[in-house]
N, C-alpha and C. Protein backbone atom coordinates (compact mmCIF):
# COMPACT_ATOMS: atom_id res chain seq x y z
N UNK A 1 -128.96 -30.25 -109.91
CA UNK A 1 -128.85 -31.13 -108.97
C UNK A 1 -127.56 -30.99 -107.87
N UNK A 2 -127.92 -30.83 -106.82
CA UNK A 2 -126.80 -30.39 -105.52
C UNK A 2 -126.26 -31.52 -105.47
N UNK A 3 -124.74 -31.35 -104.97
CA UNK A 3 -123.92 -32.59 -104.38
C UNK A 3 -124.43 -33.68 -103.76
N UNK A 4 -125.34 -32.75 -102.87
CA UNK A 4 -125.93 -33.82 -101.67
C UNK A 4 -126.97 -34.80 -102.21
N UNK A 5 -127.74 -34.34 -103.42
CA UNK A 5 -128.79 -34.87 -104.04
C UNK A 5 -128.00 -36.14 -105.01
N UNK A 6 -126.91 -35.83 -105.60
CA UNK A 6 -126.24 -36.67 -106.17
C UNK A 6 -125.55 -37.92 -105.47
N UNK A 7 -125.12 -37.32 -104.33
CA UNK A 7 -124.50 -38.39 -103.36
C UNK A 7 -125.45 -39.41 -102.78
N UNK A 8 -126.72 -38.94 -102.51
CA UNK A 8 -127.64 -39.84 -102.05
C UNK A 8 -128.21 -40.62 -103.13
N UNK A 9 -128.27 -40.03 -104.19
CA UNK A 9 -128.80 -40.88 -105.58
C UNK A 9 -127.82 -42.03 -105.76
N UNK A 10 -126.46 -41.69 -105.79
CA UNK A 10 -125.52 -42.65 -106.01
C UNK A 10 -125.41 -43.82 -104.89
N UNK A 11 -125.50 -43.39 -103.64
CA UNK A 11 -125.42 -44.20 -102.63
C UNK A 11 -126.62 -45.35 -102.84
N UNK A 12 -127.81 -44.84 -103.27
CA UNK A 12 -129.12 -45.57 -103.38
C UNK A 12 -128.95 -46.53 -104.51
N UNK A 13 -128.56 -46.19 -105.45
CA UNK A 13 -128.18 -47.22 -106.43
C UNK A 13 -127.18 -48.05 -106.09
N UNK A 14 -125.88 -47.64 -105.44
CA UNK A 14 -124.94 -48.57 -105.23
C UNK A 14 -125.50 -49.76 -104.39
N UNK A 15 -126.34 -49.30 -103.16
CA UNK A 15 -126.86 -50.33 -102.45
C UNK A 15 -127.48 -51.60 -102.95
N UNK A 16 -127.99 -51.20 -104.22
CA UNK A 16 -129.00 -52.26 -105.02
C UNK A 16 -127.84 -53.23 -105.36
N UNK A 17 -126.58 -52.81 -105.57
CA UNK A 17 -125.66 -53.70 -106.24
C UNK A 17 -124.58 -54.27 -105.42
N UNK A 18 -124.90 -53.93 -104.21
CA UNK A 18 -123.95 -54.45 -103.17
C UNK A 18 -124.49 -55.90 -102.45
N UNK A 19 -123.69 -56.67 -102.06
CA UNK A 19 -124.31 -58.08 -101.44
C UNK A 19 -124.69 -57.57 -99.91
N UNK A 20 -125.92 -57.97 -99.43
CA UNK A 20 -126.43 -57.76 -98.37
C UNK A 20 -125.95 -58.61 -97.25
N UNK A 21 -125.67 -58.07 -96.00
CA UNK A 21 -125.05 -59.31 -95.08
C UNK A 21 -126.24 -59.95 -94.24
N UNK A 22 -126.51 -61.11 -93.99
CA UNK A 22 -127.30 -61.68 -93.19
C UNK A 22 -127.19 -61.62 -91.79
N UNK A 23 -128.17 -60.78 -91.27
CA UNK A 23 -127.92 -60.50 -89.81
C UNK A 23 -128.95 -61.30 -88.92
N UNK A 24 -128.87 -61.13 -87.62
CA UNK A 24 -129.67 -61.92 -86.71
C UNK A 24 -130.97 -61.42 -86.91
N UNK A 25 -131.23 -60.17 -87.13
CA UNK A 25 -132.59 -59.45 -87.43
C UNK A 25 -133.30 -60.19 -88.59
N UNK A 26 -132.57 -60.19 -89.57
CA UNK A 26 -133.21 -60.76 -90.64
C UNK A 26 -133.58 -62.47 -90.53
N UNK A 27 -132.78 -63.02 -89.58
CA UNK A 27 -133.24 -64.50 -89.16
C UNK A 27 -134.58 -64.41 -88.34
N UNK A 28 -134.62 -63.56 -87.32
CA UNK A 28 -135.86 -63.30 -86.62
C UNK A 28 -137.04 -62.94 -87.54
N UNK A 29 -136.77 -62.26 -88.68
CA UNK A 29 -138.19 -61.60 -89.52
C UNK A 29 -138.53 -63.15 -90.15
N UNK A 30 -137.34 -64.02 -90.63
CA UNK A 30 -137.70 -65.16 -91.25
C UNK A 30 -138.35 -66.18 -90.40
N UNK A 31 -138.07 -66.43 -89.19
CA UNK A 31 -138.68 -67.36 -88.12
C UNK A 31 -140.14 -66.71 -87.90
N UNK A 32 -140.35 -65.38 -87.93
CA UNK A 32 -141.77 -64.83 -87.52
C UNK A 32 -142.41 -65.09 -89.00
N UNK A 33 -141.87 -65.11 -90.23
CA UNK A 33 -142.67 -65.28 -91.53
C UNK A 33 -142.96 -66.85 -91.30
N UNK A 34 -142.29 -67.53 -90.84
CA UNK A 34 -142.45 -68.98 -90.79
C UNK A 34 -143.33 -69.43 -89.88
N UNK A 35 -143.77 -68.50 -88.97
CA UNK A 35 -144.91 -68.82 -87.77
C UNK A 35 -146.39 -68.42 -88.72
N UNK A 36 -146.20 -67.32 -89.18
CA UNK A 36 -147.43 -66.67 -89.65
C UNK A 36 -147.92 -67.17 -91.12
N UNK A 37 -147.06 -67.72 -91.76
CA UNK A 37 -147.20 -67.69 -93.39
C UNK A 37 -148.16 -68.88 -93.48
N UNK A 38 -148.02 -70.18 -92.91
CA UNK A 38 -148.87 -71.50 -93.09
C UNK A 38 -150.63 -71.08 -92.48
N UNK A 39 -150.62 -70.37 -91.47
CA UNK A 39 -152.00 -69.72 -90.89
C UNK A 39 -152.49 -68.79 -91.93
N UNK A 40 -151.82 -67.76 -92.55
CA UNK A 40 -152.50 -66.87 -93.32
C UNK A 40 -152.98 -67.74 -94.82
N UNK A 41 -152.10 -68.63 -95.10
CA UNK A 41 -152.40 -69.10 -96.65
C UNK A 41 -153.59 -70.04 -96.44
N UNK A 42 -153.86 -70.76 -95.18
CA UNK A 42 -154.94 -71.33 -94.96
C UNK A 42 -156.05 -70.51 -94.81
N UNK A 43 -155.81 -69.23 -93.91
CA UNK A 43 -157.21 -68.46 -93.86
C UNK A 43 -157.64 -67.98 -95.18
N UNK A 44 -156.66 -67.53 -96.06
CA UNK A 44 -157.27 -66.94 -97.18
C UNK A 44 -157.77 -68.11 -98.16
N UNK A 45 -157.23 -69.19 -98.04
CA UNK A 45 -157.65 -70.29 -99.16
C UNK A 45 -159.04 -70.57 -98.41
N UNK A 46 -159.26 -71.17 -97.18
CA UNK A 46 -160.26 -71.70 -96.99
C UNK A 46 -161.54 -70.67 -96.68
N UNK A 47 -161.13 -69.58 -96.62
CA UNK A 47 -162.23 -68.38 -96.44
C UNK A 47 -162.85 -68.11 -97.69
N UNK A 48 -161.85 -68.08 -98.76
CA UNK A 48 -162.35 -67.95 -100.34
C UNK A 48 -163.17 -68.99 -100.60
N UNK A 49 -162.74 -70.17 -100.48
CA UNK A 49 -163.54 -71.27 -100.77
C UNK A 49 -164.71 -71.21 -99.93
N UNK A 50 -164.93 -70.90 -98.80
CA UNK A 50 -166.43 -71.00 -97.90
C UNK A 50 -166.99 -69.98 -98.72
N UNK A 51 -166.56 -68.62 -98.95
CA UNK A 51 -167.28 -67.54 -99.67
C UNK A 51 -167.95 -67.88 -100.91
N UNK A 52 -166.98 -68.58 -101.62
CA UNK A 52 -167.49 -69.22 -103.08
C UNK A 52 -168.75 -70.49 -102.91
N UNK A 53 -168.71 -71.10 -101.94
CA UNK A 53 -169.52 -72.31 -101.72
C UNK A 53 -171.01 -71.52 -101.34
N UNK A 54 -170.54 -70.67 -100.40
CA UNK A 54 -171.86 -69.85 -99.92
C UNK A 54 -172.64 -69.00 -101.20
N UNK A 55 -171.83 -68.46 -101.94
CA UNK A 55 -172.42 -67.74 -103.12
C UNK A 55 -173.04 -68.84 -103.95
N UNK A 56 -172.44 -69.95 -104.28
CA UNK A 56 -173.11 -71.05 -105.28
C UNK A 56 -174.55 -71.34 -104.55
N UNK A 57 -174.59 -71.62 -103.33
CA UNK A 57 -176.11 -71.69 -102.61
C UNK A 57 -176.73 -70.51 -102.92
N UNK A 58 -176.46 -69.46 -102.81
CA UNK A 58 -177.22 -68.20 -102.96
C UNK A 58 -177.80 -68.13 -104.38
N UNK A 59 -176.85 -68.63 -105.52
CA UNK A 59 -177.05 -68.29 -106.70
C UNK A 59 -178.18 -69.45 -107.21
N UNK A 60 -178.04 -70.67 -106.62
CA UNK A 60 -179.20 -71.69 -106.72
C UNK A 60 -180.35 -71.17 -106.27
N UNK A 61 -180.54 -70.34 -105.17
CA UNK A 61 -181.64 -70.03 -104.64
C UNK A 61 -182.12 -68.71 -105.55
N UNK A 62 -181.61 -67.92 -106.01
CA UNK A 62 -182.13 -66.62 -106.28
C UNK A 62 -182.17 -66.64 -107.91
N UNK A 63 -181.32 -67.63 -108.69
CA UNK A 63 -181.66 -67.49 -110.21
C UNK A 63 -182.18 -68.84 -110.51
N UNK A 64 -182.21 -68.94 -111.76
CA UNK A 64 -182.95 -70.08 -112.51
C UNK A 64 -181.73 -71.34 -112.88
N UNK A 65 -180.61 -71.13 -112.10
CA UNK A 65 -179.68 -72.02 -112.62
C UNK A 65 -180.16 -73.42 -111.98
N UNK A 66 -180.83 -73.67 -111.17
CA UNK A 66 -181.37 -74.87 -110.60
C UNK A 66 -182.17 -75.76 -111.80
N UNK A 67 -183.02 -74.91 -112.30
CA UNK A 67 -183.84 -75.43 -113.59
C UNK A 67 -183.10 -75.79 -114.55
N UNK A 68 -182.03 -75.03 -114.85
CA UNK A 68 -181.20 -75.33 -116.21
C UNK A 68 -180.43 -76.63 -115.90
N UNK A 69 -180.05 -76.86 -114.59
CA UNK A 69 -179.26 -78.17 -114.37
C UNK A 69 -180.31 -79.36 -113.88
N UNK A 70 -181.54 -79.14 -113.79
CA UNK A 70 -182.30 -80.10 -113.73
C UNK A 70 -183.10 -80.34 -112.31
N UNK A 71 -182.91 -79.27 -111.48
CA UNK A 71 -183.60 -79.47 -110.28
C UNK A 71 -185.02 -78.84 -110.30
N UNK A 72 -185.97 -79.44 -109.70
CA UNK A 72 -187.64 -78.99 -109.62
C UNK A 72 -187.68 -77.91 -109.13
N UNK A 73 -186.97 -78.04 -107.75
CA UNK A 73 -187.15 -76.66 -106.84
C UNK A 73 -185.54 -76.84 -106.32
N UNK A 74 -185.00 -75.68 -106.47
CA UNK A 74 -183.37 -75.25 -106.13
C UNK A 74 -183.40 -74.42 -104.74
N UNK A 75 -184.44 -74.51 -104.24
CA UNK A 75 -184.47 -73.78 -102.74
C UNK A 75 -183.79 -74.47 -101.73
N UNK A 76 -184.38 -75.80 -101.54
CA UNK A 76 -183.60 -76.50 -100.69
C UNK A 76 -182.28 -76.87 -100.69
N UNK A 77 -181.81 -77.15 -101.89
CA UNK A 77 -180.39 -77.64 -102.03
C UNK A 77 -179.55 -76.25 -101.82
N UNK A 78 -180.19 -75.26 -102.62
CA UNK A 78 -179.48 -74.15 -102.63
C UNK A 78 -179.19 -73.56 -101.05
N UNK A 79 -180.16 -73.64 -100.20
CA UNK A 79 -179.72 -73.37 -98.71
C UNK A 79 -178.93 -74.04 -98.18
N UNK A 80 -179.11 -75.62 -98.38
CA UNK A 80 -178.07 -76.25 -97.74
C UNK A 80 -176.66 -75.96 -98.16
N UNK A 81 -176.64 -75.92 -99.40
CA UNK A 81 -175.02 -75.24 -99.98
C UNK A 81 -174.76 -74.34 -99.44
N UNK A 82 -175.54 -73.01 -99.36
CA UNK A 82 -175.29 -71.85 -98.74
C UNK A 82 -174.94 -72.07 -97.03
N UNK A 83 -175.68 -72.61 -96.50
CA UNK A 83 -175.39 -72.94 -95.08
C UNK A 83 -173.81 -73.78 -94.86
N UNK A 84 -173.63 -74.88 -95.93
CA UNK A 84 -172.28 -75.39 -95.67
C UNK A 84 -171.19 -74.18 -95.95
N UNK A 85 -171.43 -73.44 -97.07
CA UNK A 85 -170.55 -72.22 -97.13
C UNK A 85 -170.31 -71.26 -96.11
N UNK A 86 -171.53 -71.01 -95.47
CA UNK A 86 -171.43 -69.99 -94.28
C UNK A 86 -170.72 -70.49 -93.26
N UNK A 87 -170.86 -71.86 -92.79
CA UNK A 87 -170.42 -72.70 -91.68
C UNK A 87 -168.80 -72.66 -92.14
N UNK A 88 -168.25 -72.93 -93.49
CA UNK A 88 -167.01 -72.91 -93.66
C UNK A 88 -166.19 -71.35 -93.44
N UNK A 89 -167.24 -70.32 -93.72
CA UNK A 89 -166.64 -68.98 -93.59
C UNK A 89 -166.59 -68.64 -92.19
N UNK A 90 -167.56 -68.94 -91.48
CA UNK A 90 -167.55 -68.85 -90.25
C UNK A 90 -166.27 -69.38 -89.44
N UNK A 91 -165.87 -70.61 -89.77
CA UNK A 91 -164.93 -71.44 -88.81
C UNK A 91 -163.82 -71.21 -89.38
N UNK A 92 -163.38 -70.28 -90.38
CA UNK A 92 -162.09 -70.03 -90.91
C UNK A 92 -161.34 -69.34 -89.57
N UNK A 93 -161.91 -68.45 -88.99
CA UNK A 93 -161.19 -67.57 -88.17
C UNK A 93 -160.45 -68.42 -86.72
N UNK A 94 -161.57 -69.29 -86.29
CA UNK A 94 -161.28 -70.09 -85.08
C UNK A 94 -160.03 -71.09 -85.60
N UNK A 95 -160.06 -71.65 -86.85
CA UNK A 95 -159.11 -72.73 -87.43
C UNK A 95 -157.85 -72.10 -87.44
N UNK A 96 -158.08 -70.91 -87.93
CA UNK A 96 -156.62 -69.79 -88.31
C UNK A 96 -155.98 -69.62 -86.83
N UNK A 97 -156.64 -69.28 -85.78
CA UNK A 97 -156.11 -68.94 -84.53
C UNK A 97 -155.73 -70.01 -83.92
N UNK A 98 -155.89 -71.59 -84.43
CA UNK A 98 -155.72 -72.56 -83.62
C UNK A 98 -154.09 -72.75 -84.47
N UNK A 99 -154.23 -72.86 -85.64
CA UNK A 99 -152.74 -73.13 -86.31
C UNK A 99 -151.71 -72.15 -86.06
N UNK A 100 -152.05 -70.67 -85.94
CA UNK A 100 -151.40 -69.81 -85.63
C UNK A 100 -150.86 -70.08 -83.99
N UNK A 101 -151.86 -70.44 -82.85
CA UNK A 101 -151.25 -70.60 -81.74
C UNK A 101 -150.41 -71.96 -81.74
N UNK A 102 -150.36 -73.22 -82.36
CA UNK A 102 -149.57 -74.27 -82.23
C UNK A 102 -148.07 -73.65 -83.32
N UNK A 103 -148.21 -73.01 -83.98
CA UNK A 103 -147.03 -72.46 -84.77
C UNK A 103 -146.15 -71.66 -83.73
N UNK A 104 -146.85 -70.75 -83.06
CA UNK A 104 -146.05 -70.01 -82.16
C UNK A 104 -145.75 -70.62 -80.98
N UNK A 105 -146.26 -71.54 -80.59
CA UNK A 105 -146.03 -72.49 -79.71
C UNK A 105 -144.70 -73.21 -79.96
N UNK A 106 -144.67 -73.65 -81.12
CA UNK A 106 -143.63 -74.53 -81.71
C UNK A 106 -142.21 -73.68 -82.01
N UNK A 107 -142.29 -72.42 -82.03
CA UNK A 107 -141.36 -71.75 -82.68
C UNK A 107 -140.86 -70.55 -81.47
N UNK A 108 -141.54 -70.34 -80.28
CA UNK A 108 -141.46 -69.45 -79.27
C UNK A 108 -140.12 -69.43 -78.79
N UNK A 109 -139.64 -70.58 -78.53
CA UNK A 109 -138.25 -70.94 -77.76
C UNK A 109 -137.27 -70.39 -78.65
N UNK A 110 -137.32 -70.57 -79.93
CA UNK A 110 -136.14 -69.91 -80.94
C UNK A 110 -136.29 -68.41 -81.23
N UNK A 111 -137.67 -67.97 -81.13
CA UNK A 111 -137.83 -66.43 -81.34
C UNK A 111 -137.52 -65.63 -80.17
N UNK A 112 -137.82 -65.94 -78.94
CA UNK A 112 -137.48 -65.70 -77.68
C UNK A 112 -136.16 -65.62 -77.41
N UNK A 113 -135.30 -66.42 -77.99
CA UNK A 113 -133.74 -66.67 -77.68
C UNK A 113 -133.18 -65.59 -78.57
N UNK A 114 -133.43 -65.70 -79.76
CA UNK A 114 -132.93 -64.55 -80.55
C UNK A 114 -133.20 -63.22 -80.55
N UNK A 115 -134.53 -63.08 -80.03
CA UNK A 115 -135.05 -61.53 -79.73
C UNK A 115 -134.16 -60.95 -78.47
N UNK A 116 -133.81 -62.00 -77.66
CA UNK A 116 -133.13 -61.73 -76.40
C UNK A 116 -131.99 -61.22 -76.64
N UNK A 117 -131.21 -62.26 -77.48
CA UNK A 117 -129.93 -61.76 -78.09
C UNK A 117 -129.73 -60.27 -78.71
N UNK A 118 -130.75 -59.93 -79.40
CA UNK A 118 -130.82 -58.70 -80.18
C UNK A 118 -131.12 -57.72 -79.19
N UNK A 119 -131.95 -57.85 -78.10
CA UNK A 119 -132.14 -56.52 -77.10
C UNK A 119 -130.98 -56.41 -76.21
């Protein structure tokens, strides 16, 4: 191993154990995450629940689960449950955009002020 490779490896290991200075760029990244995280959590959660509900409706229609749980004909309830799930899945993106827009509006002055300072 050459001395340059050794020096690089030593520096890499050393940086893992030194205390990191908190900079304004870190603060900007934190604010950006604070804006996006609630919208992302909502989008993933609500979209997943909508897809599962839609799948449950499809399962009622296409399998004999309806007869097992005591439904004479599971087509109508299955379609209804599937449509509710589809509506949830389709409404996820507009609601996500609304949440993200309101968060951006709330934190825009702080982010713009900090980014101007950094630039």
